[in-house]
Structures are given as structure tokens and as C-alpha cells.
PDB file of all heavy atoms in Angstrom:
ATOM      1  N   ASN A   1      15.963  62.597   2.404  1.00  0.00           N
ATOM      2  CA  ASN A   1      16.253  61.158   2.486  1.00  0.00           C
ATOM      3  C   ASN A   1      15.092  60.390   3.105  1.00  0.00           C
ATOM      4  O   ASN A   1      14.682  59.338   2.605  1.00  0.00           O
ATOM      5  CB  ASN A   1      17.520  60.920   3.309  1.00  0.00           C
ATOM      6  CG  ASN A   1      18.778  61.401   2.609  1.00  0.00           C
ATOM      7  OD1 ASN A   1      18.808  61.527   1.383  1.00  0.00           O
ATOM      8  ND2 ASN A   1      19.819  61.690   3.382  1.00  0.00           N
ATOM      9  N   GLY A   2      14.565  60.925   4.213  1.00  0.00           N
ATOM     10  CA  GLY A   2      13.477  60.239   4.903  1.00  0.00           C
ATOM     11  C   GLY A   2      12.207  60.177   4.090  1.00  0.00           C
ATOM     12  O   GLY A   2      11.550  59.125   4.026  1.00  0.00           O
ATOM     13  N   GLU A   3      11.856  61.293   3.461  1.00  0.00           N
ATOM     14  CA  GLU A   3      10.617  61.316   2.685  1.00  0.00           C
ATOM     15  C   GLU A   3      10.732  60.474   1.419  1.00  0.00           C
ATOM     16  O   GLU A   3       9.761  59.834   0.990  1.00  0.00           O
ATOM     17  CB  GLU A   3      10.240  62.755   2.332  1.00  0.00           C
ATOM     18  CG  GLU A   3       8.832  62.876   1.808  1.00  0.00           C
ATOM     19  CD  GLU A   3       8.458  64.297   1.440  1.00  0.00           C
ATOM     20  OE1 GLU A   3       9.011  65.243   2.027  1.00  0.00           O
ATOM     21  OE2 GLU A   3       7.612  64.459   0.534  1.00  0.00           O
ATOM     22  N   PHE A   4      11.923  60.463   0.828  1.00  0.00           N
ATOM     23  CA  PHE A   4      12.137  59.627  -0.355  1.00  0.00           C
ATOM     24  C   PHE A   4      11.968  58.148   0.002  1.00  0.00           C
ATOM     25  O   PHE A   4      11.286  57.392  -0.706  1.00  0.00           O
ATOM     26  CB  PHE A   4      13.529  59.875  -0.929  1.00  0.00           C
ATOM     27  CG  PHE A   4      13.826  59.113  -2.186  1.00  0.00           C
ATOM     28  CD1 PHE A   4      13.398  59.587  -3.418  1.00  0.00           C
ATOM     29  CD2 PHE A   4      14.522  57.916  -2.145  1.00  0.00           C
ATOM     30  CE1 PHE A   4      13.660  58.877  -4.587  1.00  0.00           C
ATOM     31  CE2 PHE A   4      14.787  57.192  -3.294  1.00  0.00           C
ATOM     32  CZ  PHE A   4      14.364  57.687  -4.525  1.00  0.00           C
ATOM     33  N   ALA A   5      12.576  57.736   1.117  1.00  0.00           N
ATOM     34  CA  ALA A   5      12.457  56.343   1.548  1.00  0.00           C
ATOM     35  C   ALA A   5      11.008  55.988   1.846  1.00  0.00           C
ATOM     36  O   ALA A   5      10.532  54.903   1.483  1.00  0.00           O
ATOM     37  CB  ALA A   5      13.325  56.101   2.779  1.00  0.00           C
ATOM     38  N   ARG A   6      10.296  56.892   2.497  1.00  0.00           N
ATOM     39  CA  ARG A   6       8.893  56.642   2.799  1.00  0.00           C
ATOM     40  C   ARG A   6       8.080  56.454   1.524  1.00  0.00           C
ATOM     41  O   ARG A   6       7.216  55.566   1.445  1.00  0.00           O
ATOM     42  CB  ARG A   6       8.329  57.813   3.604  1.00  0.00           C
ATOM     43  CG  ARG A   6       6.826  57.783   3.755  1.00  0.00           C
ATOM     44  CD  ARG A   6       6.319  58.937   4.586  1.00  0.00           C
ATOM     45  NE  ARG A   6       4.874  59.066   4.482  1.00  0.00           N
ATOM     46  CZ  ARG A   6       4.149  59.858   5.267  1.00  0.00           C
ATOM     47  NH1 ARG A   6       4.726  60.575   6.200  1.00  0.00           N
ATOM     48  NH2 ARG A   6       2.845  59.928   5.111  1.00  0.00           N
ATOM     49  N   THR A   7       8.363  57.267   0.501  1.00  0.00           N
ATOM     50  CA  THR A   7       7.619  57.183  -0.759  1.00  0.00           C
ATOM     51  C   THR A   7       7.820  55.826  -1.418  1.00  0.00           C
ATOM     52  O   THR A   7       6.862  55.188  -1.866  1.00  0.00           O
ATOM     53  CB  THR A   7       8.058  58.317  -1.696  1.00  0.00           C
ATOM     54  OG1 THR A   7       7.842  59.575  -1.038  1.00  0.00           O
ATOM     55  CG2 THR A   7       7.282  58.291  -3.005  1.00  0.00           C
ATOM     56  N   CYS A   8       9.073  55.386  -1.486  1.00  0.00           N
ATOM     57  CA  CYS A   8       9.351  54.074  -2.083  1.00  0.00           C
ATOM     58  C   CYS A   8       8.763  52.945  -1.239  1.00  0.00           C
ATOM     59  O   CYS A   8       8.210  51.973  -1.777  1.00  0.00           O
ATOM     60  CB  CYS A   8      10.856  53.890  -2.246  1.00  0.00           C
ATOM     61  SG  CYS A   8      11.603  55.043  -3.430  1.00  0.00           S
ATOM     62  N   ASN A   9       8.867  53.098   0.071  1.00  0.00           N
ATOM     63  CA  ASN A   9       8.348  52.047   0.962  1.00  0.00           C
ATOM     64  C   ASN A   9       6.838  51.911   0.852  1.00  0.00           C
ATOM     65  O   ASN A   9       6.300  50.797   0.904  1.00  0.00           O
ATOM     66  CB  ASN A   9       8.745  52.342   2.400  1.00  0.00           C
ATOM     67  CG  ASN A   9      10.236  52.142   2.650  1.00  0.00           C
ATOM     68  OD1 ASN A   9      10.920  51.478   1.861  1.00  0.00           O
ATOM     69  ND2 ASN A   9      10.748  52.726   3.705  1.00  0.00           N
ATOM     70  N   GLN A  10       6.121  53.041   0.712  1.00  0.00           N
ATOM     71  CA  GLN A  10       4.671  52.909   0.645  1.00  0.00           C
ATOM     72  C   GLN A  10       4.224  52.337  -0.700  1.00  0.00           C
ATOM     73  O   GLN A  10       3.222  51.610  -0.774  1.00  0.00           O
ATOM     74  CB  GLN A  10       3.974  54.229   0.975  1.00  0.00           C
ATOM     75  CG  GLN A  10       4.114  55.359   0.022  1.00  0.00           C
ATOM     76  CD  GLN A  10       3.515  56.657   0.595  1.00  0.00           C
ATOM     77  OE1 GLN A  10       3.101  56.736   1.742  1.00  0.00           O
ATOM     78  NE2 GLN A  10       3.481  57.688  -0.232  1.00  0.00           N
ATOM     79  N   LEU A  11       4.981  52.601  -1.766  1.00  0.00           N
ATOM     80  CA  LEU A  11       4.693  51.945  -3.041  1.00  0.00           C
ATOM     81  C   LEU A  11       4.827  50.430  -2.891  1.00  0.00           C
ATOM     82  O   LEU A  11       3.977  49.659  -3.361  1.00  0.00           O
ATOM     83  CB  LEU A  11       5.646  52.459  -4.124  1.00  0.00           C
ATOM     84  CG  LEU A  11       5.346  53.854  -4.677  1.00  0.00           C
ATOM     85  CD1 LEU A  11       6.582  54.428  -5.367  1.00  0.00           C
ATOM     86  CD2 LEU A  11       4.170  53.815  -5.646  1.00  0.00           C
ATOM     87  N   ARG A  12       5.883  50.014  -2.220  1.00  0.00           N
ATOM     88  CA  ARG A  12       6.102  48.574  -2.025  1.00  0.00           C
ATOM     89  C   ARG A  12       5.084  47.978  -1.058  1.00  0.00           C
ATOM     90  O   ARG A  12       4.702  46.805  -1.180  1.00  0.00           O
ATOM     91  CB  ARG A  12       7.531  48.326  -1.550  1.00  0.00           C
ATOM     92  CG  ARG A  12       8.576  48.626  -2.625  1.00  0.00           C
ATOM     93  CD  ARG A  12       9.958  48.143  -2.223  1.00  0.00           C
ATOM     94  NE  ARG A  12      10.864  48.192  -3.365  1.00  0.00           N
ATOM     95  CZ  ARG A  12      11.785  49.149  -3.563  1.00  0.00           C
ATOM     96  NH1 ARG A  12      11.928  50.117  -2.669  1.00  0.00           N
ATOM     97  NH2 ARG A  12      12.566  49.122  -4.624  1.00  0.00           N
ATOM     98  N   ALA A  13       4.636  48.784  -0.089  1.00  0.00           N
ATOM     99  CA  ALA A  13       3.618  48.287   0.843  1.00  0.00           C
ATOM    100  C   ALA A  13       2.307  47.999   0.109  1.00  0.00           C
ATOM    101  O   ALA A  13       1.657  46.972   0.357  1.00  0.00           O
ATOM    102  CB  ALA A  13       3.392  49.304   1.962  1.00  0.00           C
ATOM    103  N   PHE A  14       1.922  48.880  -0.799  1.00  0.00           N
ATOM    104  CA  PHE A  14       0.712  48.619  -1.582  1.00  0.00           C
ATOM    105  C   PHE A  14       0.912  47.429  -2.516  1.00  0.00           C
ATOM    106  O   PHE A  14      -0.030  46.669  -2.769  1.00  0.00           O
ATOM    107  CB  PHE A  14       0.295  49.867  -2.366  1.00  0.00           C
ATOM    108  CG  PHE A  14      -0.438  50.885  -1.546  1.00  0.00           C
ATOM    109  CD1 PHE A  14       0.151  52.083  -1.197  1.00  0.00           C
ATOM    110  CD2 PHE A  14      -1.729  50.629  -1.100  1.00  0.00           C
ATOM    111  CE1 PHE A  14      -0.516  53.015  -0.431  1.00  0.00           C
ATOM    112  CE2 PHE A  14      -2.414  51.552  -0.330  1.00  0.00           C
ATOM    113  CZ  PHE A  14      -1.808  52.755   0.010  1.00  0.00           C
ATOM    114  N   ALA A  15       2.123  47.258  -3.005  1.00  0.00           N
ATOM    115  CA  ALA A  15       2.407  46.085  -3.834  1.00  0.00           C
ATOM    116  C   ALA A  15       2.225  44.800  -3.035  1.00  0.00           C
ATOM    117  O   ALA A  15       1.625  43.823  -3.522  1.00  0.00           O
ATOM    118  CB  ALA A  15       3.823  46.171  -4.395  1.00  0.00           C
ATOM    119  N   GLU A  16       2.699  44.773  -1.807  1.00  0.00           N
ATOM    120  CA  GLU A  16       2.526  43.596  -0.956  1.00  0.00           C
ATOM    121  C   GLU A  16       1.052  43.359  -0.651  1.00  0.00           C
ATOM    122  O   GLU A  16       0.594  42.214  -0.595  1.00  0.00           O
ATOM    123  CB  GLU A  16       3.324  43.768   0.340  1.00  0.00           C
ATOM    124  CG  GLU A  16       4.827  43.694   0.158  1.00  0.00           C
ATOM    125  CD  GLU A  16       5.275  42.387  -0.472  1.00  0.00           C
ATOM    126  OE1 GLU A  16       4.812  41.313  -0.016  1.00  0.00           O
ATOM    127  OE2 GLU A  16       6.074  42.428  -1.432  1.00  0.00           O
ATOM    128  N   MET A  17       0.307  44.435  -0.438  1.00  0.00           N
ATOM    129  CA  MET A  17      -1.134  44.307  -0.210  1.00  0.00           C
ATOM    130  C   MET A  17      -1.816  43.641  -1.404  1.00  0.00           C
ATOM    131  O   MET A  17      -2.675  42.754  -1.248  1.00  0.00           O
ATOM    132  CB  MET A  17      -1.738  45.696   0.026  1.00  0.00           C
ATOM    133  CG  MET A  17      -3.244  45.705   0.234  1.00  0.00           C
ATOM    134  SD  MET A  17      -3.975  47.349  -0.019  1.00  0.00           S
ATOM    135  CE  MET A  17      -3.979  47.436  -1.835  1.00  0.00           C
ATOM    136  N   LEU A  18      -1.404  44.060  -2.602  1.00  0.00           N
ATOM    137  CA  LEU A  18      -1.991  43.478  -3.808  1.00  0.00           C
ATOM    138  C   LEU A  18      -1.630  42.001  -3.939  1.00  0.00           C
ATOM    139  O   LEU A  18      -2.470  41.172  -4.316  1.00  0.00           O
ATOM    140  CB  LEU A  18      -1.506  44.250  -5.038  1.00  0.00           C
ATOM    141  CG  LEU A  18      -2.065  45.655  -5.221  1.00  0.00           C
ATOM    142  CD1 LEU A  18      -1.327  46.379  -6.341  1.00  0.00           C
ATOM    143  CD2 LEU A  18      -3.557  45.609  -5.528  1.00  0.00           C
ATOM    144  N   LYS A  19      -0.400  41.672  -3.643  1.00  0.00           N
ATOM    145  CA  LYS A  19       0.017  40.262  -3.778  1.00  0.00           C
ATOM    146  C   LYS A  19      -0.688  39.358  -2.781  1.00  0.00           C
ATOM    147  O   LYS A  19      -0.970  38.201  -3.089  1.00  0.00           O
ATOM    148  CB  LYS A  19       1.542  40.169  -3.625  1.00  0.00           C
ATOM    149  CG  LYS A  19       2.284  40.696  -4.838  1.00  0.00           C
ATOM    150  CD  LYS A  19       3.774  40.436  -4.774  1.00  0.00           C
ATOM    151  CE  LYS A  19       4.512  41.437  -3.953  1.00  0.00           C
ATOM    152  NZ  LYS A  19       5.989  41.299  -4.061  1.00  0.00           N
ATOM    153  N   GLU A  20      -1.002  39.895  -1.592  1.00  0.00           N
ATOM    154  CA  GLU A  20      -1.781  39.108  -0.625  1.00  0.00           C
ATOM    155  C   GLU A  20      -3.223  38.967  -1.087  1.00  0.00           C
ATOM    156  O   GLU A  20      -3.811  37.884  -0.998  1.00  0.00           O
ATOM    157  CB  GLU A  20      -1.695  39.778   0.753  1.00  0.00           C
ATOM    158  CG  GLU A  20      -2.249  38.951   1.897  1.00  0.00           C
ATOM    159  CD  GLU A  20      -3.766  38.986   1.997  1.00  0.00           C
ATOM    160  OE1 GLU A  20      -4.348  40.042   1.649  1.00  0.00           O
ATOM    161  OE2 GLU A  20      -4.374  37.985   2.417  1.00  0.00           O
ATOM    162  N   GLY A  21      -3.854  40.055  -1.565  1.00  0.00           N
ATOM    163  CA  GLY A  21      -5.106  39.973  -2.290  1.00  0.00           C
ATOM    164  C   GLY A  21      -6.408  40.164  -1.554  1.00  0.00           C
ATOM    165  O   GLY A  21      -7.442  40.400  -2.180  1.00  0.00           O
ATOM    166  N   SER A  22      -6.415  40.066  -0.234  1.00  0.00           N
ATOM    167  CA  SER A  22      -7.688  40.116   0.496  1.00  0.00           C
ATOM    168  C   SER A  22      -8.303  41.508   0.563  1.00  0.00           C
ATOM    169  O   SER A  22      -9.438  41.660   1.017  1.00  0.00           O
ATOM    170  CB  SER A  22      -7.495  39.581   1.924  1.00  0.00           C
ATOM    171  OG  SER A  22      -7.058  38.245   1.909  1.00  0.00           O
ATOM    172  N   TRP A  23      -7.576  42.526   0.084  1.00  0.00           N
ATOM    173  CA  TRP A  23      -8.066  43.906   0.138  1.00  0.00           C
ATOM    174  C   TRP A  23      -9.385  44.098  -0.620  1.00  0.00           C
ATOM    175  O   TRP A  23     -10.118  45.045  -0.342  1.00  0.00           O
ATOM    176  CB  TRP A  23      -7.007  44.852  -0.439  1.00  0.00           C
ATOM    177  CG  TRP A  23      -6.887  44.763  -1.940  1.00  0.00           C
ATOM    178  CD1 TRP A  23      -6.144  43.877  -2.643  1.00  0.00           C
ATOM    179  CD2 TRP A  23      -7.556  45.587  -2.892  1.00  0.00           C
ATOM    180  NE1 TRP A  23      -6.307  44.070  -3.987  1.00  0.00           N
ATOM    181  CE2 TRP A  23      -7.172  45.120  -4.166  1.00  0.00           C
ATOM    182  CE3 TRP A  23      -8.443  46.651  -2.807  1.00  0.00           C
ATOM    183  CZ2 TRP A  23      -7.638  45.709  -5.346  1.00  0.00           C
ATOM    184  CZ3 TRP A  23      -8.914  47.233  -3.972  1.00  0.00           C
ATOM    185  CH2 TRP A  23      -8.514  46.755  -5.231  1.00  0.00           C
ATOM    186  N   VAL A  24      -9.721  43.198  -1.544  1.00  0.00           N
ATOM    187  CA  VAL A  24     -10.948  43.352  -2.344  1.00  0.00           C
ATOM    188  C   VAL A  24     -12.213  43.058  -1.543  1.00  0.00           C
ATOM    189  O   VAL A  24     -13.320  43.278  -2.010  1.00  0.00           O
ATOM    190  CB  VAL A  24     -10.925  42.453  -3.594  1.00  0.00           C
ATOM    191  CG1 VAL A  24      -9.796  42.842  -4.525  1.00  0.00           C
ATOM    192  CG2 VAL A  24     -10.831  40.979  -3.207  1.00  0.00           C
ATOM    193  N   GLU A  25     -12.052  42.561  -0.305  1.00  0.00           N
ATOM    194  CA  GLU A  25     -13.177  42.319   0.600  1.00  0.00           C
ATOM    195  C   GLU A  25     -14.241  41.415  -0.030  1.00  0.00           C
ATOM    196  O   GLU A  25     -15.426  41.745  -0.116  1.00  0.00           O
ATOM    197  CB  GLU A  25     -13.817  43.641   1.040  1.00  0.00           C
ATOM    198  CG  GLU A  25     -12.856  44.537   1.812  1.00  0.00           C
ATOM    199  CD  GLU A  25     -13.479  45.858   2.222  1.00  0.00           C
ATOM    200  OE1 GLU A  25     -14.583  46.187   1.752  1.00  0.00           O
ATOM    201  OE2 GLU A  25     -12.844  46.579   3.022  1.00  0.00           O
ATOM    202  N   ALA A  26     -13.815  40.252  -0.473  1.00  0.00           N
ATOM    203  CA  ALA A  26     -14.723  39.296  -1.109  1.00  0.00           C
ATOM    204  C   ALA A  26     -15.710  38.733  -0.089  1.00  0.00           C
ATOM    205  O   ALA A  26     -15.318  38.271   0.983  1.00  0.00           O
ATOM    206  CB  ALA A  26     -13.933  38.167  -1.750  1.00  0.00           C
ATOM    207  N   ILE A  27     -16.987  38.769  -0.446  1.00  0.00           N
ATOM    208  CA  ILE A  27     -18.064  38.247   0.408  1.00  0.00           C
ATOM    209  C   ILE A  27     -18.951  37.346  -0.439  1.00  0.00           C
ATOM    210  O   ILE A  27     -19.379  37.734  -1.535  1.00  0.00           O
ATOM    211  CB  ILE A  27     -18.913  39.385   1.018  1.00  0.00           C
ATOM    212  CG1 ILE A  27     -18.028  40.372   1.794  1.00  0.00           C
ATOM    213  CG2 ILE A  27     -20.000  38.821   1.918  1.00  0.00           C
ATOM    214  CD1 ILE A  27     -18.776  41.606   2.288  1.00  0.00           C
ATOM    215  N   ILE A  28     -19.216  36.174   0.063  1.00  0.00           N
ATOM    216  CA  ILE A  28     -20.093  35.235  -0.640  1.00  0.00           C
ATOM    217  C   ILE A  28     -21.244  34.850   0.281  1.00  0.00           C
ATOM    218  O   ILE A  28     -21.029  34.395   1.410  1.00  0.00           O
ATOM    219  CB  ILE A  28     -19.327  33.973  -1.084  1.00  0.00           C
ATOM    220  CG1 ILE A  28     -18.198  34.351  -2.047  1.00  0.00           C
ATOM    221  CG2 ILE A  28     -20.268  32.950  -1.728  1.00  0.00           C
ATOM    222  CD1 ILE A  28     -17.304  33.199  -2.441  1.00  0.00           C
ATOM    223  N   SER A  29     -22.462  35.039  -0.188  1.00  0.00           N
ATOM    224  CA  SER A  29     -23.665  34.643   0.567  1.00  0.00           C
ATOM    225  C   SER A  29     -24.492  33.720  -0.324  1.00  0.00           C
ATOM    226  O   SER A  29     -25.105  34.167  -1.306  1.00  0.00           O
ATOM    227  CB  SER A  29     -24.482  35.880   0.960  1.00  0.00           C
ATOM    228  OG  SER A  29     -23.747  36.733   1.805  1.00  0.00           O
ATOM    229  N   ASN A  30     -24.510  32.424   0.009  1.00  0.00           N
ATOM    230  CA  ASN A  30     -25.287  31.472  -0.806  1.00  0.00           C
ATOM    231  C   ASN A  30     -25.915  30.371   0.050  1.00  0.00           C
ATOM    232  O   ASN A  30     -25.742  29.181  -0.229  1.00  0.00           O
ATOM    233  CB  ASN A  30     -24.413  30.872  -1.907  1.00  0.00           C
ATOM    234  CG  ASN A  30     -23.237  30.076  -1.368  1.00  0.00           C
ATOM    235  OD1 ASN A  30     -22.951  30.118  -0.174  1.00  0.00           O
ATOM    236  ND2 ASN A  30     -22.565  29.339  -2.249  1.00  0.00           N
ATOM    237  N   PRO A  31     -26.638  30.748   1.098  1.00  0.00           N
ATOM    238  CA  PRO A  31     -27.307  29.706   1.891  1.00  0.00           C
ATOM    239  C   PRO A  31     -28.337  28.961   1.040  1.00  0.00           C
ATOM    240  O   PRO A  31     -28.886  29.515   0.067  1.00  0.00           O
ATOM    241  CB  PRO A  31     -27.966  30.496   3.024  1.00  0.00           C
ATOM    242  CG  PRO A  31     -28.127  31.875   2.480  1.00  0.00           C
ATOM    243  CD  PRO A  31     -26.973  32.109   1.582  1.00  0.00           C
ATOM    244  N   GLU A  32     -28.602  27.735   1.403  1.00  0.00           N
ATOM    245  CA  GLU A  32     -29.513  26.898   0.617  1.00  0.00           C
ATOM    246  C   GLU A  32     -30.890  27.559   0.502  1.00  0.00           C
ATOM    247  O   GLU A  32     -31.438  28.071   1.468  1.00  0.00           O
ATOM    248  CB  GLU A  32     -29.652  25.520   1.278  1.00  0.00           C
ATOM    249  CG  GLU A  32     -30.422  24.511   0.439  1.00  0.00           C
ATOM    250  CD  GLU A  32     -30.431  23.134   1.063  1.00  0.00           C
ATOM    251  OE1 GLU A  32     -29.679  22.917   2.043  1.00  0.00           O
ATOM    252  OE2 GLU A  32     -31.189  22.278   0.580  1.00  0.00           O
TER     253      GLU A  32
END
């Protein structure tokens, strides 16, 4: 029961990470 719940929860945790979006570590450098 515990491991099954953990498996589903971590799938959903990665889904939330994707929906937030900052995981791609976007960096912009364009000084004049």
C-alpha cells in the first residue's frame, strides 16, 4: 500500500513540476 501510494504520488509530483515549468533552468544573457 505504501509503495503503491508513493509511486502514484511521485508521478503526480513530476506532473506538478512540469506545470510550474521553471525546471528547464532558463537563462538569458543579453547585456547591451
